[in-house]
Amino acid sequence: MTESQAMRGGGTTREEGDRSYPGWRVVLVCFVLAVFSWAFGFYGQSVYVAQLSALHGWPVATVASAATIYYLTSAVLVAFAGDALARIGPRRVIGLGILFLAAGVAATGQARTLPQAYGAYMLLACGWAATSIAAITSAIGTWFEAKRGLAISLALNGASAGGVLGAPMLVWASDHLGFAAALALGGGIMLAVVGPLLLFAWPADLPPARAETGPVATGSAMRGRALRLPAFWTMSLAFAAGLFVQVGFIVHLVTMITPIAGSRAAGIAVSATAVAAVVGRLALGTVVDRLDPRAAGAGSLAIQVVALLIVAAAGTYPLLLAGCILFGLSVGNLITLPALIVHREFDAAAFGTVISLSTAIGQVVYAFGPGALGWLRDASGGYGLALVICAAIDLGAAALVLAGRRRRAAV
């Protein structure tokens, strides 16, 4: 049996509670992977927009639109990630992903024209699709059942760590080494760290197989069934709207704060947002397996509403920083909770396919976040109006996710 044939795995509660259980090594590798993936593929976008705009004199909205195309491209790829994960296994998919991500990071630093920048973003998109939420949650889902919520929360804390370390280090390295050298060095470090972990730390054994409950549908059949379920759409669209706001906010964070407090203070704000995300995800992760994940999602979105209004009204750096920290408390949970809803509301065999499809839909929606926020900023002369609109979107998303409460869906 290959790793891909064991995609329906998961240990018993007793096995998963044992520190020697091999699945915890998968969590460790995914944590480190998430550090680099989110540092370069998510939080780094804020630095790329600011640096490319400053170095080449390109309008912020134009550079932010490259980020939109990046997310759209990766969304198409993520939609079929479940099939690739089932066919060749998570380790191979992730291995290919880090190669593309490293190449895209280096190419972004070397871009001298807009077509070159857009081409670099295509490489980044391929890497992001294979190293982010769908790949990580599917990999962990093969090893965990009873403690899946905790395992996913721990692994995705690497995403927050990527924000804590990534943006400030990219800003510092760009200031001292130059933008191109900083990104080339960062991509090389990622390959040197994640590559050996995939080769030597990932368990050689396969996850224990779950008992089959009936015929397993193909990926295309599962996608078709999911698309007909209201539970799927209320989850996917609600979190897509929340991430539309979240991605737009984070991509523009450096550009938003730099005129008020400088680039170093902007990097600190990004780090503070990421630290808050660690705190928020850890706090929720300890109890999330006992909570209604839809209610937790609505609460996270409500926190962001308050934070956005604070930032919109802020005129000083301390108040901006406070708003960023409050916003950060729910940043991690918006990417963790969809997987837990799928785990609770859909059949186990459909987990990889459904979470990949939901992630793809989310990326199609939130791909427009950076561009929309950039357009509103350029049109209105500031970020105030854009942030108020974002708060209204989050409020609607909170209502939508609560409206979708239902029994387990058969997919």
Protein backbone atom coordinates (compact mmCIF):
# COMPACT_ATOMS: atom_id res chain seq x y z
CA MET A 1 0.00 0.00 0.00
CA THR A 2 1.36 3.41 -0.97
CA GLU A 3 1.06 6.65 0.99
CA SER A 4 -1.62 7.81 -1.42
CA GLN A 5 -3.64 4.65 -0.79
CA ALA A 6 -3.55 5.40 2.93
CA MET A 7 -5.20 8.79 2.57
CA ARG A 8 -8.15 7.57 4.61
CA GLY A 9 -5.92 6.88 7.60
CA GLY A 10 -5.94 8.12 11.15
CA GLY A 11 -4.98 6.68 14.48
CA THR A 12 -7.11 5.78 17.47
CA THR A 13 -7.45 8.20 20.38
CA ARG A 14 -4.92 6.15 22.36
CA GLU A 15 -2.39 6.03 19.50
CA GLU A 16 -2.69 9.74 18.79
CA GLY A 17 -2.14 10.54 22.47
CA ASP A 18 1.21 8.72 22.46
CA ARG A 19 4.19 11.04 21.95
CA SER A 20 5.88 8.37 19.84
CA TYR A 21 2.97 8.26 17.39
CA PRO A 22 4.53 8.94 13.92
CA GLY A 23 1.81 11.43 13.06
CA TRP A 24 3.37 13.96 15.41
CA ARG A 25 6.47 13.97 13.19
CA VAL A 26 4.19 14.93 10.30
CA VAL A 27 2.88 17.80 12.45
CA LEU A 28 6.47 18.95 13.07
CA VAL A 29 7.38 18.88 9.38
CA CYS A 30 4.15 20.70 8.48
CA PHE A 31 4.87 23.32 11.15
CA VAL A 32 8.28 24.09 9.64
CA LEU A 33 6.81 24.00 6.13
CA ALA A 34 4.13 26.49 7.17
CA VAL A 35 6.78 28.85 8.57
CA PHE A 36 8.37 29.18 5.14
CA SER A 37 5.21 28.87 3.06
CA TRP A 38 3.40 31.67 4.87
CA ALA A 39 6.55 33.80 5.26
CA PHE A 40 7.14 33.85 1.50
CA GLY A 41 3.72 33.01 0.08
CA PHE A 42 1.42 35.02 2.35
CA TYR A 43 2.97 37.55 4.74
CA GLY A 44 5.77 38.25 2.29
CA GLN A 45 3.24 39.63 -0.19
CA SER A 46 3.04 42.80 1.90
CA VAL A 47 6.80 43.31 1.53
CA TYR A 48 6.78 42.44 -2.19
CA VAL A 49 4.09 45.04 -2.93
CA ALA A 50 5.92 47.77 -1.00
CA GLN A 51 9.38 46.93 -2.38
CA LEU A 52 8.41 46.45 -6.03
CA SER A 53 6.38 49.65 -5.98
CA ALA A 54 9.19 51.65 -4.34
CA LEU A 55 12.03 50.21 -6.45
CA HIS A 56 10.39 50.54 -9.84
CA GLY A 57 7.84 53.29 -9.33
CA TRP A 58 4.93 51.01 -10.18
CA PRO A 59 1.49 52.00 -8.80
CA VAL A 60 0.49 50.12 -5.65
CA ALA A 61 -2.74 48.96 -7.29
CA THR A 62 -0.80 47.51 -10.25
CA VAL A 63 1.56 45.51 -8.05
CA ALA A 64 -1.31 44.42 -5.80
CA SER A 65 -3.10 43.14 -8.91
CA ALA A 66 -0.18 40.76 -9.46
CA ALA A 67 -0.99 39.33 -6.04
CA THR A 68 -4.60 38.93 -7.19
CA ILE A 69 -3.48 36.93 -10.23
CA TYR A 70 -1.20 34.91 -7.95
CA TYR A 71 -4.11 33.84 -5.76
CA LEU A 72 -6.37 33.13 -8.75
CA THR A 73 -3.76 30.91 -10.36
CA SER A 74 -3.11 28.99 -7.16
CA ALA A 75 -6.88 28.63 -6.66
CA VAL A 76 -7.18 26.72 -9.94
CA LEU A 77 -4.35 24.45 -8.86
CA VAL A 78 -5.69 23.96 -5.32
CA ALA A 79 -9.08 22.84 -6.67
CA PHE A 80 -7.38 19.68 -7.90
CA ALA A 81 -4.87 19.35 -5.08
CA GLY A 82 -7.01 16.68 -3.44
CA ASP A 83 -6.62 14.47 -6.52
CA ALA A 84 -2.84 14.94 -6.56
CA LEU A 85 -2.58 14.29 -2.84
CA ALA A 86 -4.58 11.08 -3.20
CA ARG A 87 -2.61 9.94 -6.24
CA ILE A 88 1.01 10.56 -5.24
CA GLY A 89 0.79 11.38 -1.52
CA PRO A 90 1.38 14.55 0.52
CA ARG A 91 5.17 14.27 0.77
CA ARG A 92 5.73 14.31 -2.99
CA VAL A 93 3.22 17.12 -3.53
CA ILE A 94 4.86 19.23 -0.83
CA GLY A 95 8.34 18.46 -2.19
CA LEU A 96 7.39 19.74 -5.63
CA GLY A 97 5.75 22.74 -4.00
CA ILE A 98 8.84 23.96 -2.18
CA LEU A 99 10.85 23.79 -5.42
CA PHE A 100 8.33 26.05 -7.18
CA LEU A 101 8.03 28.35 -4.17
CA ALA A 102 11.79 28.83 -3.88
CA ALA A 103 12.07 29.54 -7.61
CA GLY A 104 9.23 32.06 -7.42
CA VAL A 105 10.74 33.85 -4.44
CA ALA A 106 14.09 34.24 -6.20
CA ALA A 107 12.42 35.34 -9.46
CA THR A 108 10.37 38.00 -7.65
CA GLY A 109 13.56 39.61 -6.40
CA GLN A 110 15.04 39.58 -9.90
CA ALA A 111 11.98 41.13 -11.61
CA ARG A 112 12.79 44.32 -13.49
CA THR A 113 9.62 44.65 -15.57
CA LEU A 114 5.96 44.03 -14.84
CA PRO A 115 5.81 40.93 -17.10
CA GLN A 116 8.76 39.49 -15.18
CA ALA A 117 7.03 40.21 -11.87
CA TYR A 118 3.84 38.54 -13.08
CA GLY A 119 5.83 35.52 -14.27
CA ALA A 120 7.53 35.23 -10.89
CA TYR A 121 4.13 35.33 -9.23
CA MET A 122 3.03 32.37 -11.37
CA LEU A 123 5.89 30.31 -9.93
CA LEU A 124 4.92 31.46 -6.45
CA ALA A 125 1.34 30.38 -7.16
CA CYS A 126 2.42 26.84 -8.03
CA GLY A 127 4.44 26.63 -4.85
CA TRP A 128 1.74 28.11 -2.62
CA ALA A 129 -0.90 25.71 -3.95
CA ALA A 130 1.21 22.70 -2.97
CA THR A 131 2.54 23.90 0.39
CA SER A 132 -0.34 25.72 2.08
CA ILE A 133 -3.64 24.91 3.74
CA ALA A 134 -4.95 22.09 1.50
CA ALA A 135 -1.67 20.15 1.51
CA ILE A 136 -1.04 20.59 5.23
CA THR A 137 -4.54 19.74 6.44
CA SER A 138 -4.76 16.76 4.09
CA ALA A 139 -1.38 15.45 5.23
CA ILE A 140 -2.37 15.71 8.88
CA GLY A 141 -5.81 14.29 8.13
CA THR A 142 -4.20 11.04 7.00
CA TRP A 143 -2.68 10.56 10.45
CA PHE A 144 -5.22 12.02 12.88
CA GLU A 145 -8.88 11.50 13.69
CA ALA A 146 -9.60 12.13 17.39
CA LYS A 147 -6.97 14.86 17.78
CA ARG A 148 -7.20 16.33 14.30
CA GLY A 149 -8.22 19.78 15.50
CA LEU A 150 -5.27 20.04 17.89
CA ALA A 151 -2.82 18.64 15.32
CA ILE A 152 -3.93 21.08 12.61
CA SER A 153 -3.82 24.01 15.04
CA LEU A 154 -0.28 23.12 16.12
CA ALA A 155 0.96 22.67 12.56
CA LEU A 156 -0.61 25.90 11.35
CA ASN A 157 1.04 27.84 14.14
CA GLY A 158 3.95 27.66 11.74
CA ALA A 159 1.95 30.02 9.54
CA SER A 160 1.86 32.57 12.33
CA ALA A 161 5.55 32.01 13.05
CA GLY A 162 6.14 32.74 9.38
CA GLY A 163 4.53 36.11 9.92
CA VAL A 164 6.53 36.80 13.08
CA LEU A 165 9.83 35.99 11.38
CA GLY A 166 9.18 36.46 7.69
CA ALA A 167 8.12 40.07 7.15
CA PRO A 168 10.62 41.71 9.56
CA MET A 169 13.49 39.57 8.26
CA LEU A 170 12.56 40.31 4.65
CA VAL A 171 12.42 44.03 5.42
CA TRP A 172 15.75 43.89 7.30
CA ALA A 173 17.47 41.78 4.65
CA SER A 174 16.13 43.98 1.85
CA ASP A 175 17.47 47.09 3.59
CA HIS A 176 20.92 45.56 4.23
CA LEU A 177 21.44 43.15 1.32
CA GLY A 178 19.09 44.45 -1.32
CA PHE A 179 15.69 43.07 -2.30
CA ALA A 180 17.00 40.58 -4.89
CA ALA A 181 19.72 39.15 -2.63
CA ALA A 182 17.34 38.89 0.31
CA LEU A 183 14.83 36.81 -1.63
CA ALA A 184 17.47 34.59 -3.22
CA LEU A 185 18.92 33.86 0.22
CA GLY A 186 15.49 33.20 1.69
CA GLY A 187 14.57 30.71 -1.03
CA GLY A 188 17.85 28.87 -0.55
CA ILE A 189 17.36 28.60 3.21
CA MET A 190 13.86 27.19 2.68
CA LEU A 191 15.18 24.43 0.42
CA ALA A 192 18.01 23.64 2.82
CA VAL A 193 15.65 23.27 5.80
CA VAL A 194 12.41 21.79 4.45
CA GLY A 195 14.00 19.41 1.93
CA PRO A 196 15.90 17.27 4.49
CA LEU A 197 12.88 17.22 6.81
CA LEU A 198 10.71 15.76 4.05
CA LEU A 199 13.36 13.17 3.26
CA PHE A 200 14.36 12.09 6.75
CA ALA A 201 11.79 13.25 9.35
CA TRP A 202 8.60 12.28 7.51
CA PRO A 203 7.51 8.81 8.74
CA ALA A 204 8.50 5.91 6.52
CA ASP A 205 5.54 3.93 7.86
CA LEU A 206 2.05 4.52 6.53
CA PRO A 207 -0.85 5.85 8.60
CA PRO A 208 -3.24 3.21 9.97
CA ALA A 209 -6.15 2.73 7.57
CA ARG A 210 -9.69 3.45 8.66
CA ALA A 211 -12.39 0.91 8.07
CA GLU A 212 -14.12 1.40 4.75
CA THR A 213 -17.79 2.34 5.06
CA GLY A 214 -18.73 1.82 1.44
CA PRO A 215 -17.61 2.54 -2.11
CA VAL A 216 -15.24 5.49 -2.39
CA ALA A 217 -16.36 8.07 -4.92
CA THR A 218 -13.94 9.65 -7.35
CA GLY A 219 -12.64 13.15 -6.75
CA SER A 220 -14.88 14.61 -9.46
CA ALA A 221 -17.96 12.88 -8.02
CA MET A 222 -17.16 14.16 -4.52
CA ARG A 223 -16.72 17.70 -5.85
CA GLY A 224 -20.07 17.51 -7.64
CA ARG A 225 -21.87 16.35 -4.50
CA ALA A 226 -20.23 18.98 -2.31
CA LEU A 227 -21.21 21.76 -4.70
CA ARG A 228 -24.88 20.81 -4.28
CA LEU A 229 -24.85 21.10 -0.49
CA PRO A 230 -25.85 24.35 1.30
CA ALA A 231 -23.53 23.38 4.17
CA PHE A 232 -20.58 23.51 1.80
CA TRP A 233 -21.47 26.93 0.40
CA THR A 234 -22.26 28.60 3.73
CA MET A 235 -18.87 27.45 4.99
CA SER A 236 -16.86 28.18 1.85
CA LEU A 237 -18.33 31.59 1.02
CA ALA A 238 -18.27 32.82 4.62
CA PHE A 239 -14.60 32.03 5.11
CA ALA A 240 -13.78 33.19 1.58
CA ALA A 241 -15.28 36.59 2.43
CA GLY A 242 -13.36 36.69 5.70
CA LEU A 243 -10.13 35.82 3.93
CA PHE A 244 -10.87 38.40 1.20
CA VAL A 245 -10.67 40.98 3.96
CA GLN A 246 -7.79 39.32 5.80
CA VAL A 247 -5.52 38.88 2.79
CA GLY A 248 -6.17 42.39 1.54
CA PHE A 249 -5.44 43.83 4.97
CA ILE A 250 -2.19 41.91 5.44
CA VAL A 251 -0.88 42.54 1.92
CA HIS A 252 -1.37 46.29 2.41
CA LEU A 253 -0.22 46.42 6.03
CA VAL A 254 3.34 47.58 5.33
CA THR A 255 2.13 50.15 2.80
CA MET A 256 -0.55 51.30 5.27
CA ILE A 257 1.75 51.86 8.24
CA THR A 258 5.04 52.94 6.63
CA PRO A 259 3.93 56.56 5.90
CA ILE A 260 2.92 56.96 9.55
CA ALA A 261 5.73 55.19 11.39
CA GLY A 262 8.36 53.96 8.91
CA SER A 263 9.22 50.57 7.43
CA ARG A 264 10.72 49.12 10.61
CA ALA A 265 7.61 49.92 12.63
CA ALA A 266 5.51 48.43 9.83
CA GLY A 267 7.51 45.21 10.07
CA ILE A 268 6.94 45.17 13.82
CA ALA A 269 3.20 45.55 13.25
CA VAL A 270 3.19 42.57 10.87
CA SER A 271 5.09 40.54 13.47
CA ALA A 272 2.72 41.61 16.25
CA THR A 273 -0.21 40.54 14.09
CA ALA A 274 1.41 37.14 13.60
CA VAL A 275 2.25 36.73 17.31
CA ALA A 276 -1.37 37.47 18.13
CA ALA A 277 -2.36 34.83 15.58
CA VAL A 278 -0.23 32.26 17.45
CA VAL A 279 -1.90 33.19 20.73
CA GLY A 280 -5.37 33.07 19.21
CA ARG A 281 -4.81 29.75 17.45
CA LEU A 282 -3.25 28.09 20.51
CA ALA A 283 -6.05 29.31 22.75
CA LEU A 284 -8.71 27.99 20.39
CA GLY A 285 -6.77 24.82 19.55
CA THR A 286 -6.90 23.56 23.13
CA VAL A 287 -10.71 23.55 23.14
CA VAL A 288 -11.77 23.56 19.48
CA ASP A 289 -12.47 19.81 19.33
CA ARG A 290 -15.21 20.43 21.93
CA LEU A 291 -16.71 23.54 20.28
CA ASP A 292 -19.00 24.21 17.35
CA PRO A 293 -16.44 25.37 14.74
CA ARG A 294 -19.06 27.49 12.97
CA ALA A 295 -19.75 29.47 16.14
CA ALA A 296 -16.00 29.83 16.66
CA GLY A 297 -15.69 31.12 13.10
CA ALA A 298 -18.42 33.71 13.64
CA GLY A 299 -16.67 34.88 16.80
CA SER A 300 -13.36 35.21 14.97
CA LEU A 301 -14.97 37.29 12.24
CA ALA A 302 -16.62 39.54 14.83
CA ILE A 303 -13.20 40.22 16.39
CA GLN A 304 -11.91 41.33 13.00
CA VAL A 305 -14.85 43.71 12.57
CA VAL A 306 -13.87 45.55 15.75
CA ALA A 307 -10.17 45.53 14.83
CA LEU A 308 -10.77 46.96 11.35
CA LEU A 309 -12.84 49.81 12.73
CA ILE A 310 -10.06 50.62 15.22
CA VAL A 311 -7.43 50.72 12.46
CA ALA A 312 -9.72 52.79 10.22
CA ALA A 313 -10.12 55.40 12.95
CA ALA A 314 -6.50 55.32 14.16
CA GLY A 315 -4.25 58.29 13.59
CA THR A 316 -1.30 57.18 15.70
CA TYR A 317 1.02 54.19 15.59
CA PRO A 318 0.11 52.82 19.06
CA LEU A 319 -3.57 52.66 18.11
CA LEU A 320 -2.72 51.10 14.74
CA LEU A 321 -0.60 48.50 16.53
CA ALA A 322 -3.42 47.72 18.96
CA GLY A 323 -5.81 47.21 16.06
CA CYS A 324 -3.32 44.92 14.30
CA ILE A 325 -2.89 42.80 17.43
CA LEU A 326 -6.65 42.44 17.87
CA PHE A 327 -7.02 41.57 14.19
CA GLY A 328 -4.26 39.00 14.52
CA LEU A 329 -6.06 37.07 17.26
CA SER A 330 -8.38 35.62 14.63
CA VAL A 331 -6.03 35.50 11.63
CA GLY A 332 -4.90 31.94 12.24
CA ASN A 333 -8.34 30.64 13.13
CA LEU A 334 -9.86 31.65 9.79
CA ILE A 335 -7.53 29.22 8.01
CA THR A 336 -7.83 26.47 10.65
CA LEU A 337 -11.59 26.32 11.16
CA PRO A 338 -12.74 25.32 7.63
CA ALA A 339 -10.82 22.04 7.91
CA LEU A 340 -12.48 21.33 11.25
CA ILE A 341 -15.93 22.05 9.83
CA VAL A 342 -15.25 19.67 6.93
CA HIS A 343 -14.00 17.05 9.39
CA ARG A 344 -17.17 17.36 11.47
CA GLU A 345 -19.80 17.79 8.74
CA PHE A 346 -18.55 15.65 5.83
CA ASP A 347 -17.58 12.01 5.37
CA ALA A 348 -13.96 11.13 6.14
CA ALA A 349 -13.27 9.83 2.63
CA ALA A 350 -14.20 13.23 1.19
CA PHE A 351 -11.97 15.29 3.49
CA GLY A 352 -9.09 15.97 1.09
CA THR A 353 -11.34 16.69 -1.89
CA VAL A 354 -13.78 18.93 0.00
CA ILE A 355 -11.14 20.98 1.80
CA SER A 356 -9.20 21.45 -1.46
CA LEU A 357 -12.35 22.61 -3.27
CA SER A 358 -13.32 24.94 -0.43
CA THR A 359 -9.80 26.36 -0.31
CA ALA A 360 -9.86 26.93 -4.07
CA ILE A 361 -13.17 28.80 -3.90
CA GLY A 362 -11.80 30.86 -1.06
CA GLN A 363 -8.72 31.79 -3.05
CA VAL A 364 -10.79 32.83 -6.07
CA VAL A 365 -12.68 35.23 -3.80
CA TYR A 366 -9.82 36.52 -1.67
CA ALA A 367 -7.56 36.85 -4.70
CA PHE A 368 -9.36 40.12 -5.35
CA GLY A 369 -8.73 41.41 -1.82
CA PRO A 370 -5.32 43.04 -2.44
CA GLY A 371 -6.39 44.59 -5.74
CA ALA A 372 -9.73 45.82 -4.39
CA LEU A 373 -8.13 47.36 -1.33
CA GLY A 374 -5.46 48.97 -3.50
CA TRP A 375 -8.08 50.39 -5.86
CA LEU A 376 -10.15 51.81 -3.00
CA ARG A 377 -7.03 53.29 -1.43
CA ASP A 378 -5.98 54.98 -4.68
CA ALA A 379 -9.52 56.18 -5.43
CA SER A 380 -10.25 57.59 -1.97
CA GLY A 381 -6.77 58.78 -1.07
CA GLY A 382 -6.48 56.57 2.01
CA TYR A 383 -7.41 53.29 3.64
CA GLY A 384 -10.26 54.49 5.89
CA LEU A 385 -13.18 53.81 3.53
CA ALA A 386 -11.74 50.48 2.42
CA LEU A 387 -11.41 49.25 6.01
CA VAL A 388 -15.00 50.21 6.88
CA ILE A 389 -16.22 48.26 3.84
CA CYS A 390 -14.09 45.32 4.94
CA ALA A 391 -15.68 45.41 8.40
CA ALA A 392 -19.15 45.22 6.81
CA ILE A 393 -18.06 42.21 4.72
CA ASP A 394 -16.80 40.40 7.82
CA LEU A 395 -20.08 41.06 9.61
CA GLY A 396 -22.03 39.47 6.76
CA ALA A 397 -19.65 36.50 6.70
CA ALA A 398 -20.23 35.86 10.41
CA ALA A 399 -23.99 35.70 9.83
CA LEU A 400 -23.55 33.37 6.85
CA VAL A 401 -21.38 30.80 8.62
CA LEU A 402 -23.87 30.59 11.48
CA ALA A 403 -26.74 30.10 9.03
CA GLY A 404 -25.14 26.90 7.75
CA ARG A 405 -25.37 24.79 10.90
CA ARG A 406 -26.61 21.32 9.98
CA ARG A 407 -26.09 17.62 10.43
CA ARG A 408 -23.22 15.65 8.92
CA ALA A 409 -23.34 15.66 5.12
CA ALA A 410 -22.82 12.55 3.01
CA VAL A 411 -20.36 13.24 0.19
